[in-house]
Structures are given as structure tokens and as C-alpha cells.
Amino acid sequence: MFFVRKNDELGQLTQEQWYKGFEKSAGKEEKGDLQIASVDVTGKAASVKVVEIYEGSTYTDYISLLKLADVWKIVNKIFVVEKGAA
């Protein structure tokens, strides 16, 4: 997974690193608003924009999917965090 660091450089996390970042909050309710902002599908490829608004920050995810054997699979995700945007 790729993201933009605070210094505007490209950052990358493995799936294991990304999951580890959620260990402390696993099972806890988050107070925020999740919005599917857009969905674009062409044949067996799709792109979804998801906006997550929390107090003090907004996360925007861009998720790429492919349809394999009639099942949609996430093949890539990038995100941007805007602090104080909420």
C-alpha cells in the first residue's frame, strides 16, 4: 500500500505493517463517517474512492479492483491523510 508522507515523499506499507497499525484499536468502535465517493467500472476493472471523516482528520482511499473468476479482488490501495480537515 502506498501513501503520501508528511514531507510529500512516497511511503509504502506491507499488509502486515498496515494491520499492525490497527492492533490497539481492534474491536473498538470508531466515531466517524464513511462515504463511498465514487465507483468507476469498466469490464473486469474498477476503481473506488472512499472518504473517511474523523474528528481532526480525513482519510481518502483510492482502491483498485479486478474481477477474477466472478469475484472482485482488491489489487491496490493508496491513501492520503489530511489532518485538521474534518
N, C-alpha and C. Protein backbone atom coordinates (compact mmCIF):
# COMPACT_ATOMS: atom_id res chain seq x y z
N MET A 1 0.85 -1.16 0.00
CA MET A 1 0.00 0.00 0.00
C MET A 1 0.90 1.22 0.00
N PHE A 2 0.50 2.19 -0.81
CA PHE A 2 1.28 3.42 -0.93
C PHE A 2 0.51 4.59 -0.33
N PHE A 3 1.26 5.57 0.16
CA PHE A 3 0.65 6.78 0.72
C PHE A 3 1.64 7.93 0.60
N VAL A 4 1.13 9.14 0.83
CA VAL A 4 1.97 10.33 0.77
C VAL A 4 2.39 10.69 2.20
N ARG A 5 3.70 10.76 2.43
CA ARG A 5 4.22 11.12 3.75
C ARG A 5 4.04 12.63 4.00
N LYS A 6 4.20 13.04 5.26
CA LYS A 6 4.07 14.45 5.63
C LYS A 6 5.04 15.34 4.85
N ASN A 7 6.19 14.79 4.47
CA ASN A 7 7.18 15.57 3.71
C ASN A 7 6.99 15.45 2.19
N ASP A 8 5.81 14.97 1.79
CA ASP A 8 5.43 14.83 0.38
C ASP A 8 6.20 13.74 -0.37
N GLU A 9 6.86 12.85 0.35
CA GLU A 9 7.53 11.72 -0.29
C GLU A 9 6.59 10.51 -0.31
N LEU A 10 6.90 9.56 -1.18
CA LEU A 10 6.11 8.35 -1.30
C LEU A 10 6.44 7.39 -0.15
N GLY A 11 5.42 6.93 0.54
CA GLY A 11 5.59 5.93 1.58
C GLY A 11 4.94 4.63 1.16
N GLN A 12 5.37 3.53 1.77
CA GLN A 12 4.81 2.23 1.42
C GLN A 12 4.74 1.37 2.68
N LEU A 13 3.63 0.63 2.82
CA LEU A 13 3.44 -0.32 3.91
C LEU A 13 3.13 -1.69 3.34
N THR A 14 3.65 -2.72 3.98
CA THR A 14 3.22 -4.08 3.64
C THR A 14 1.86 -4.29 4.29
N GLN A 15 1.17 -5.33 3.90
CA GLN A 15 -0.12 -5.64 4.51
C GLN A 15 0.06 -5.89 6.01
N GLU A 16 1.11 -6.57 6.39
CA GLU A 16 1.39 -6.85 7.81
C GLU A 16 1.61 -5.55 8.59
N GLN A 17 2.37 -4.62 8.03
CA GLN A 17 2.61 -3.33 8.69
C GLN A 17 1.31 -2.54 8.84
N TRP A 18 0.49 -2.56 7.81
CA TRP A 18 -0.77 -1.84 7.84
C TRP A 18 -1.67 -2.40 8.93
N TYR A 19 -1.80 -3.73 9.00
CA TYR A 19 -2.62 -4.37 10.04
C TYR A 19 -2.09 -4.04 11.43
N LYS A 20 -0.78 -4.04 11.60
CA LYS A 20 -0.17 -3.77 12.90
C LYS A 20 -0.56 -2.38 13.42
N GLY A 21 -0.75 -1.45 12.52
CA GLY A 21 -1.15 -0.10 12.90
C GLY A 21 -2.53 -0.02 13.52
N PHE A 22 -3.32 -1.08 13.39
CA PHE A 22 -4.68 -1.11 13.93
C PHE A 22 -4.81 -2.01 15.16
N GLU A 23 -3.74 -2.60 15.63
CA GLU A 23 -3.80 -3.54 16.75
C GLU A 23 -4.45 -2.92 17.99
N LYS A 24 -4.05 -1.72 18.35
CA LYS A 24 -4.55 -1.08 19.57
C LYS A 24 -6.03 -0.74 19.48
N SER A 25 -6.55 -0.49 18.29
CA SER A 25 -7.96 -0.09 18.15
C SER A 25 -8.86 -1.24 17.68
N ALA A 26 -8.31 -2.43 17.53
CA ALA A 26 -9.10 -3.57 17.04
C ALA A 26 -10.28 -3.83 17.98
N GLY A 27 -11.46 -3.93 17.42
CA GLY A 27 -12.67 -4.22 18.18
C GLY A 27 -13.32 -3.01 18.82
N LYS A 28 -12.70 -1.85 18.72
CA LYS A 28 -13.26 -0.63 19.29
C LYS A 28 -14.06 0.12 18.23
N GLU A 29 -15.15 0.71 18.65
CA GLU A 29 -15.98 1.47 17.72
C GLU A 29 -15.31 2.80 17.38
N GLU A 30 -15.28 3.11 16.10
CA GLU A 30 -14.73 4.38 15.66
C GLU A 30 -15.88 5.34 15.38
N LYS A 31 -15.71 6.57 15.81
CA LYS A 31 -16.73 7.58 15.56
C LYS A 31 -16.29 8.41 14.37
N GLY A 32 -16.90 8.12 13.26
CA GLY A 32 -16.56 8.83 12.04
C GLY A 32 -17.61 8.58 10.98
N ASP A 33 -17.37 9.12 9.83
CA ASP A 33 -18.32 8.99 8.72
C ASP A 33 -17.58 8.39 7.53
N LEU A 34 -18.09 7.30 7.01
CA LEU A 34 -17.50 6.61 5.86
C LEU A 34 -18.39 6.85 4.65
N GLN A 35 -17.79 7.35 3.57
CA GLN A 35 -18.55 7.64 2.36
C GLN A 35 -17.88 7.01 1.15
N ILE A 36 -18.67 6.32 0.33
CA ILE A 36 -18.17 5.88 -0.97
C ILE A 36 -18.43 7.05 -1.91
N ALA A 37 -17.36 7.75 -2.27
CA ALA A 37 -17.48 8.97 -3.05
C ALA A 37 -17.68 8.70 -4.54
N SER A 38 -17.07 7.61 -5.04
CA SER A 38 -17.25 7.30 -6.46
C SER A 38 -16.89 5.84 -6.73
N VAL A 39 -17.52 5.31 -7.77
CA VAL A 39 -17.24 3.96 -8.25
C VAL A 39 -17.19 4.04 -9.77
N ASP A 40 -16.13 3.50 -10.36
CA ASP A 40 -15.98 3.51 -11.81
C ASP A 40 -15.64 2.09 -12.24
N VAL A 41 -16.48 1.49 -13.08
CA VAL A 41 -16.29 0.11 -13.50
C VAL A 41 -16.20 0.06 -15.02
N THR A 42 -15.17 -0.63 -15.51
CA THR A 42 -15.02 -0.91 -16.93
C THR A 42 -14.69 -2.38 -17.07
N GLY A 43 -15.65 -3.16 -17.55
CA GLY A 43 -15.43 -4.60 -17.71
C GLY A 43 -15.08 -5.25 -16.38
N LYS A 44 -13.89 -5.82 -16.30
CA LYS A 44 -13.46 -6.52 -15.09
C LYS A 44 -12.50 -5.71 -14.24
N ALA A 45 -12.48 -4.38 -14.44
CA ALA A 45 -11.64 -3.49 -13.64
C ALA A 45 -12.53 -2.42 -13.01
N ALA A 46 -12.17 -2.02 -11.79
CA ALA A 46 -12.94 -0.98 -11.10
C ALA A 46 -12.02 -0.15 -10.22
N SER A 47 -12.49 1.06 -9.96
CA SER A 47 -11.79 1.97 -9.06
C SER A 47 -12.84 2.56 -8.12
N VAL A 48 -12.52 2.59 -6.82
CA VAL A 48 -13.44 3.12 -5.82
C VAL A 48 -12.72 4.17 -5.00
N LYS A 49 -13.38 5.30 -4.79
CA LYS A 49 -12.86 6.35 -3.91
C LYS A 49 -13.69 6.32 -2.63
N VAL A 50 -13.01 6.17 -1.49
CA VAL A 50 -13.67 6.11 -0.19
C VAL A 50 -13.13 7.26 0.66
N VAL A 51 -14.02 8.01 1.28
CA VAL A 51 -13.64 9.12 2.16
C VAL A 51 -14.09 8.77 3.57
N GLU A 52 -13.14 8.81 4.51
CA GLU A 52 -13.41 8.52 5.91
C GLU A 52 -13.14 9.80 6.71
N ILE A 53 -14.17 10.32 7.34
CA ILE A 53 -14.05 11.59 8.06
C ILE A 53 -14.13 11.32 9.56
N TYR A 54 -13.08 11.70 10.26
CA TYR A 54 -12.99 11.56 11.71
C TYR A 54 -12.71 12.93 12.31
N GLU A 55 -12.91 13.05 13.60
CA GLU A 55 -12.59 14.31 14.27
C GLU A 55 -11.09 14.57 14.13
N GLY A 56 -10.75 15.64 13.46
CA GLY A 56 -9.35 16.02 13.32
C GLY A 56 -8.63 15.48 12.10
N SER A 57 -9.26 14.60 11.33
CA SER A 57 -8.58 14.08 10.13
C SER A 57 -9.57 13.49 9.13
N THR A 58 -9.15 13.52 7.88
CA THR A 58 -9.92 12.90 6.80
C THR A 58 -8.98 12.01 6.01
N TYR A 59 -9.40 10.76 5.80
CA TYR A 59 -8.64 9.79 5.01
C TYR A 59 -9.36 9.63 3.67
N THR A 60 -8.62 9.70 2.59
CA THR A 60 -9.18 9.42 1.27
C THR A 60 -8.43 8.23 0.69
N ASP A 61 -9.18 7.16 0.41
CA ASP A 61 -8.63 5.92 -0.13
C ASP A 61 -9.01 5.80 -1.61
N TYR A 62 -8.08 5.34 -2.42
CA TYR A 62 -8.32 5.01 -3.81
C TYR A 62 -8.02 3.54 -3.96
N ILE A 63 -9.05 2.75 -4.24
CA ILE A 63 -8.93 1.30 -4.24
C ILE A 63 -9.14 0.78 -5.67
N SER A 64 -8.20 -0.04 -6.14
CA SER A 64 -8.30 -0.67 -7.46
C SER A 64 -8.73 -2.12 -7.28
N LEU A 65 -9.67 -2.54 -8.09
CA LEU A 65 -10.18 -3.91 -8.01
C LEU A 65 -10.18 -4.57 -9.38
N LEU A 66 -10.02 -5.89 -9.39
CA LEU A 66 -10.16 -6.70 -10.60
C LEU A 66 -11.14 -7.83 -10.31
N LYS A 67 -11.96 -8.17 -11.30
CA LYS A 67 -12.91 -9.27 -11.16
C LYS A 67 -12.24 -10.54 -11.69
N LEU A 68 -11.97 -11.48 -10.78
CA LEU A 68 -11.30 -12.73 -11.11
C LEU A 68 -12.23 -13.89 -10.76
N ALA A 69 -12.55 -14.71 -11.73
CA ALA A 69 -13.46 -15.85 -11.52
C ALA A 69 -14.76 -15.39 -10.86
N ASP A 70 -15.33 -14.28 -11.37
CA ASP A 70 -16.59 -13.71 -10.89
C ASP A 70 -16.56 -13.18 -9.46
N VAL A 71 -15.36 -12.91 -8.92
CA VAL A 71 -15.22 -12.34 -7.57
C VAL A 71 -14.33 -11.10 -7.67
N TRP A 72 -14.79 -9.99 -7.08
CA TRP A 72 -13.99 -8.76 -7.07
C TRP A 72 -12.90 -8.87 -6.02
N LYS A 73 -11.66 -8.57 -6.42
CA LYS A 73 -10.50 -8.63 -5.52
C LYS A 73 -9.81 -7.27 -5.52
N ILE A 74 -9.43 -6.79 -4.32
CA ILE A 74 -8.65 -5.57 -4.22
C ILE A 74 -7.22 -5.89 -4.63
N VAL A 75 -6.70 -5.13 -5.59
CA VAL A 75 -5.34 -5.36 -6.05
C VAL A 75 -4.39 -4.23 -5.69
N ASN A 76 -4.95 -3.08 -5.29
CA ASN A 76 -4.10 -1.97 -4.89
C ASN A 76 -4.92 -0.97 -4.09
N LYS A 77 -4.23 -0.29 -3.18
CA LYS A 77 -4.86 0.79 -2.42
C LYS A 77 -3.82 1.85 -2.15
N ILE A 78 -4.18 3.10 -2.41
CA ILE A 78 -3.36 4.22 -1.99
C ILE A 78 -4.25 5.13 -1.16
N PHE A 79 -3.64 5.92 -0.27
CA PHE A 79 -4.45 6.81 0.55
C PHE A 79 -3.71 8.09 0.89
N VAL A 80 -4.48 9.09 1.26
CA VAL A 80 -3.96 10.38 1.70
C VAL A 80 -4.66 10.73 3.00
N VAL A 81 -3.91 11.25 3.98
CA VAL A 81 -4.48 11.71 5.25
C VAL A 81 -4.36 13.22 5.30
N GLU A 82 -5.45 13.87 5.58
CA GLU A 82 -5.44 15.33 5.77
C GLU A 82 -5.79 15.61 7.23
N LYS A 83 -4.82 16.06 7.99
CA LYS A 83 -5.05 16.38 9.41
C LYS A 83 -5.77 17.71 9.51
N GLY A 84 -6.69 17.79 10.45
CA GLY A 84 -7.43 19.02 10.67
C GLY A 84 -8.44 19.33 9.59
N ALA A 85 -8.65 18.38 8.66
CA ALA A 85 -9.56 18.63 7.53
C ALA A 85 -11.01 18.39 7.91
N ALA A 86 -11.24 17.68 9.00
CA ALA A 86 -12.63 17.35 9.36
C ALA A 86 -13.31 18.52 10.03
